[in-house]
Structures are given as C-alpha cells and as structure tokens.
Amino acid sequence: MKLKLIVFALIAVAIWGVGFQRAEALSVSINLVPYCDRATAFGPYTLSYDRNNTGLGVEAVEITITDGVGTVLYFEALTRDVGSSFTSPVDVTVPYVAAPAYNPLIVTIVSLEGNGLAAESVYRNTGTCAGLPEYPYQGAPIPAGFQLHTITCDTPVYDSPAGSPVGENRIRAGQTWYVNTTAKTAGDGSSWSEVFVAGYKNGYVPSSCVQ
C-alpha cells in the first residue's frame, strides 16, 4: 500500500544555495513511526503540496527510512499538483524492504531540489529496535542512566514532571524509547519518567506508561 503522508512534529530545515528561490515546501502533519520491520503513519494525517519544484505545476517529494548506518529500509517518491493535499483518516502501515542492522531508525521526508528551488527537509523522526546495536550518534548522546523501555500507553510529551504538553508531540503505546531508570516525583506526588528525544532537552511522560 502506498504511503501518502504528513507528519506529527513539523521540522522545517531549508537548505539554501546560491541562486535558489525561496518558496514554502510541503506542509506535513503526521506521526510516522519506524518499528523493527515496518513503519506506521498514524491517522488522521495530511500532506499539503505547496511549491512547484518540477516546473510542471507539481511538487516532488521523497520519503526515506534508514537504519543507523544508512541502509534504506523503505523508500517512496510522491508527486502531486501544487495546491492539492492528501488526507488519510486511518493508520497506514508499510513493510520494510530490508532488515535494519543498527539503531537509530531514521525517517525523513524531503521536498526535492528543482525549478530554482533548493531541497528542503520537512520532517524527521527517529526510533529504535530493541536488541540492535547503536551506531555512533553524531547529535546529543544518550544520557547515562537511560535504558530502552517499552511505552504502554499513548501520551503527550511534557516539558517537566506534571508540566505542560510540548506542542502536539505524543509517544505511542508499543514504541521503545530511552528512559531514565530513576523516576522523578512531581509536586502533586505523581511519578514521571524522563525520555531521551534525541536532543539536548528531554521530555517527560507518566511513569505509569513506562514498562
């Protein structure tokens, strides 16, 4: 089944070169999660095509999932008329074409270079597969005291114990994340677990959602 997407955490990273025009790229609203043998785009999700990077009135986009050493696990090229959009009300799951050998598993969605426009990365998400070795990570290191745990419920990611949700970011039941083995107690007495989100500021989820 073709994976027609949009992404949950919108990350727009523009790569500009000399002579490139500026135009808004694909708009995405999706949670695309990589697992050990498949990836799932949780519905509802929407993908809106915003710029003509082909010169033909359509936007060309590529969705790629790789493991920690760059092995391509899934690839799909999409095109659609500028000004149009695709929305799926349901979850869509696709199998991998190869088995991952190293963590992390990395999802990227890129609006391609063309028609005087630079390539633009519009979505990135990472996941892990329990039991696989971790390839040397070039970003924020996994903090000491964090271990892989399975999440047992759907939950927002909070900025502090019993704090505020961070945008619309959510962690889903069945995912595995690096979690601090020492829980923290909020002022109201509730227990919270710190989750490594591949950055320098971690999020928190209720400890009751961590197995």
Protein backbone atom coordinates (compact mmCIF):
# COMPACT_ATOMS: atom_id res chain seq x y z
CA MET A 1 0.00 0.00 0.00
CA LYS A 2 1.34 3.43 -0.92
CA LEU A 3 2.18 5.63 1.98
CA LYS A 4 0.67 9.10 1.48
CA LEU A 5 1.84 11.11 4.44
CA ILE A 6 2.04 14.07 6.75
CA VAL A 7 3.88 14.48 9.85
CA PHE A 8 3.38 14.95 13.56
CA ALA A 9 6.30 17.06 14.56
CA LEU A 10 6.87 19.61 11.81
CA ILE A 11 10.58 20.17 11.37
CA ALA A 12 11.37 22.55 8.50
CA VAL A 13 15.06 22.68 7.69
CA ALA A 14 15.74 24.65 4.48
CA ILE A 15 18.95 24.01 2.57
CA TRP A 16 19.59 27.16 0.52
CA GLY A 17 22.22 27.52 -2.19
CA VAL A 18 23.34 30.46 -4.27
CA GLY A 19 20.70 31.40 -6.85
CA PHE A 20 17.90 29.39 -5.23
CA GLN A 21 14.49 30.99 -4.83
CA ARG A 22 12.61 30.73 -1.56
CA ALA A 23 9.20 29.04 -1.51
CA GLU A 24 7.28 27.25 1.17
CA ALA A 25 7.70 23.50 0.82
CA LEU A 26 5.37 20.62 1.52
CA SER A 27 3.30 21.08 4.68
CA VAL A 28 3.04 17.93 6.77
CA SER A 29 1.07 16.93 9.87
CA ILE A 30 1.83 13.32 10.76
CA ASN A 31 3.25 10.88 13.27
CA LEU A 32 5.29 8.43 11.18
CA VAL A 33 6.90 5.87 13.48
CA PRO A 34 9.60 3.35 12.45
CA TYR A 35 9.49 -0.10 14.07
CA CYS A 36 11.76 -3.14 13.66
CA ASP A 37 10.14 -4.48 10.48
CA ARG A 38 7.63 -1.83 9.42
CA ALA A 39 6.61 1.80 9.77
CA THR A 40 3.20 3.20 10.67
CA ALA A 41 1.71 6.58 9.84
CA PHE A 42 -0.94 7.16 12.47
CA GLY A 43 -4.16 8.69 11.18
CA PRO A 44 -5.52 11.12 10.69
CA TYR A 45 -2.69 12.75 8.79
CA THR A 46 -2.44 15.29 5.97
CA LEU A 47 0.13 16.20 3.38
CA SER A 48 -0.27 19.52 1.52
CA TYR A 49 1.72 20.22 -1.64
CA ASP A 50 2.87 23.86 -1.70
CA ARG A 51 5.63 24.50 -4.23
CA ASN A 52 6.39 23.79 -7.87
CA ASN A 53 9.84 22.18 -7.71
CA THR A 54 9.43 20.36 -11.03
CA GLY A 55 8.41 23.18 -13.38
CA LEU A 56 5.31 21.12 -14.21
CA GLY A 57 2.97 22.51 -11.56
CA VAL A 58 3.58 19.61 -9.20
CA GLU A 59 5.72 19.08 -6.10
CA ALA A 60 8.08 16.09 -5.93
CA VAL A 61 8.69 14.54 -2.52
CA GLU A 62 10.70 11.56 -1.24
CA ILE A 63 10.07 9.54 1.91
CA THR A 64 13.04 7.52 3.15
CA ILE A 65 13.58 5.30 6.20
CA THR A 66 17.13 4.16 7.01
CA ASP A 67 18.89 2.39 9.83
CA GLY A 68 21.85 3.77 11.78
CA VAL A 69 24.39 3.03 9.04
CA GLY A 70 22.23 4.31 6.17
CA THR A 71 20.70 1.06 4.89
CA VAL A 72 17.45 2.00 3.10
CA LEU A 73 14.56 0.19 4.76
CA TYR A 74 11.77 1.95 2.87
CA PHE A 75 11.60 4.47 0.02
CA GLU A 76 8.76 6.16 -1.80
CA ALA A 77 8.67 9.00 -4.34
CA LEU A 78 5.49 11.08 -4.42
CA THR A 79 4.21 13.82 -6.75
CA ARG A 80 1.01 15.83 -6.60
CA ASP A 81 -0.35 19.07 -8.07
CA VAL A 82 0.63 22.22 -6.21
CA GLY A 83 -2.27 23.46 -4.10
CA SER A 84 -3.65 19.96 -3.55
CA SER A 85 -3.48 17.82 -0.44
CA PHE A 86 -3.94 14.23 0.70
CA THR A 87 -5.57 13.24 3.98
CA SER A 88 -5.93 9.75 5.43
CA PRO A 89 -8.35 9.27 8.33
CA VAL A 90 -6.82 5.89 9.22
CA ASP A 91 -3.43 4.42 10.14
CA VAL A 92 -1.26 3.17 7.27
CA THR A 93 1.49 0.57 7.80
CA VAL A 94 4.17 -0.38 5.26
CA PRO A 95 6.72 -3.23 5.48
CA TYR A 96 10.46 -2.71 5.05
CA VAL A 97 12.37 -3.96 2.03
CA ALA A 98 15.45 -4.73 4.17
CA ALA A 99 16.12 -5.59 7.80
CA PRO A 100 17.74 -2.91 9.99
CA ALA A 101 21.12 -3.75 11.49
CA TYR A 102 21.78 -0.70 13.69
CA ASN A 103 19.85 1.88 15.67
CA PRO A 104 18.63 4.57 15.32
CA LEU A 105 15.93 4.11 12.67
CA ILE A 106 15.52 7.43 10.86
CA VAL A 107 12.51 8.74 8.92
CA THR A 108 12.91 11.72 6.57
CA ILE A 109 10.55 13.48 4.18
CA VAL A 110 12.23 15.80 1.67
CA SER A 111 10.81 18.19 -0.92
CA LEU A 112 13.28 17.80 -3.78
CA GLU A 113 15.54 20.38 -5.42
CA GLY A 114 14.39 21.67 -8.78
CA ASN A 115 12.94 24.57 -10.77
CA GLY A 116 15.29 27.01 -9.00
CA LEU A 117 14.33 25.75 -5.55
CA ALA A 118 16.62 24.09 -3.01
CA ALA A 119 15.89 20.74 -1.45
CA GLU A 120 14.05 21.10 1.85
CA SER A 121 13.72 18.61 4.69
CA VAL A 122 10.20 18.94 6.09
CA TYR A 123 10.04 16.01 8.54
CA ARG A 124 12.38 13.86 10.59
CA ASN A 125 11.62 11.24 13.21
CA THR A 126 13.73 8.56 14.89
CA GLY A 127 13.03 5.26 16.58
CA THR A 128 14.86 2.21 17.86
CA CYS A 129 14.60 -1.54 17.52
CA ALA A 130 15.24 -3.46 20.75
CA GLY A 131 18.34 -5.67 20.56
CA LEU A 132 20.11 -3.81 17.76
CA PRO A 133 23.44 -2.08 18.48
CA GLU A 134 23.57 1.70 18.47
CA TYR A 135 25.64 3.24 15.69
CA PRO A 136 27.84 6.10 16.97
CA TYR A 137 25.44 9.01 17.27
CA GLN A 138 26.52 12.41 15.93
CA GLY A 139 23.99 14.51 17.85
CA ALA A 140 23.13 14.63 21.53
CA PRO A 141 24.49 11.49 23.26
CA ILE A 142 22.19 9.10 25.08
CA PRO A 143 22.45 10.21 28.72
CA ALA A 144 23.93 7.94 31.37
CA GLY A 145 21.30 6.00 33.28
CA PHE A 146 18.88 5.80 30.33
CA GLN A 147 17.77 2.38 29.07
CA LEU A 148 15.38 1.17 26.37
CA HIS A 149 11.85 0.73 27.70
CA THR A 150 8.52 -0.06 26.07
CA ILE A 151 5.79 2.58 26.25
CA THR A 152 2.44 1.07 27.30
CA CYS A 153 0.00 3.93 26.58
CA ASP A 154 -0.49 6.86 24.22
CA THR A 155 0.64 10.01 25.99
CA PRO A 156 1.70 13.59 25.26
CA VAL A 157 5.33 14.53 25.92
CA TYR A 158 5.58 17.09 28.76
CA ASP A 159 8.22 19.75 29.34
CA SER A 160 8.64 18.81 33.02
CA PRO A 161 7.11 16.42 35.57
CA ALA A 162 3.37 17.27 35.70
CA GLY A 163 4.17 20.21 33.40
CA SER A 164 2.74 21.32 30.06
CA PRO A 165 2.48 19.25 26.84
CA VAL A 166 5.13 20.09 24.24
CA GLY A 167 3.04 21.13 21.25
CA GLU A 168 1.19 18.13 19.82
CA ASN A 169 4.09 15.72 20.36
CA ARG A 170 2.94 12.30 21.51
CA ILE A 171 4.53 8.95 22.28
CA ARG A 172 2.54 5.88 21.27
CA ALA A 173 1.93 2.59 23.02
CA GLY A 174 4.26 -0.11 21.73
CA GLN A 175 7.16 2.22 20.93
CA THR A 176 10.55 1.81 22.59
CA TRP A 177 12.40 4.85 23.94
CA TYR A 178 15.47 5.52 26.06
CA VAL A 179 14.08 6.35 29.51
CA ASN A 180 15.82 7.47 32.71
CA THR A 181 15.77 4.50 35.08
CA THR A 182 15.22 6.88 38.00
CA ALA A 183 11.73 8.38 38.05
CA LYS A 184 11.01 11.90 39.32
CA THR A 185 8.22 12.90 41.68
CA ALA A 186 6.17 16.00 40.82
CA GLY A 187 4.82 18.45 43.37
CA ASP A 188 1.44 16.71 43.33
CA GLY A 189 3.07 13.37 44.20
CA SER A 190 2.73 11.82 40.73
CA SER A 191 5.64 9.86 39.23
CA TRP A 192 7.23 10.92 35.93
CA SER A 193 9.88 9.39 33.67
CA GLU A 194 12.39 11.40 31.66
CA VAL A 195 12.56 10.37 27.97
CA PHE A 196 15.52 10.97 25.65
CA VAL A 197 14.14 12.57 22.47
CA ALA A 198 17.43 12.81 20.53
CA GLY A 199 18.05 16.40 21.60
CA TYR A 200 19.64 18.32 24.44
CA LYS A 201 16.38 18.89 26.34
CA ASN A 202 14.43 15.79 27.29
CA GLY A 203 10.70 15.33 27.73
CA TYR A 204 8.67 13.62 30.42
CA VAL A 205 5.84 11.06 30.42
CA PRO A 206 3.88 9.49 33.28
CA SER A 207 5.86 6.61 34.80
CA SER A 208 2.69 4.52 34.64
CA CYS A 209 3.15 4.48 30.83
CA VAL A 210 6.67 3.00 31.01
CA GLN A 211 7.23 -0.75 31.20
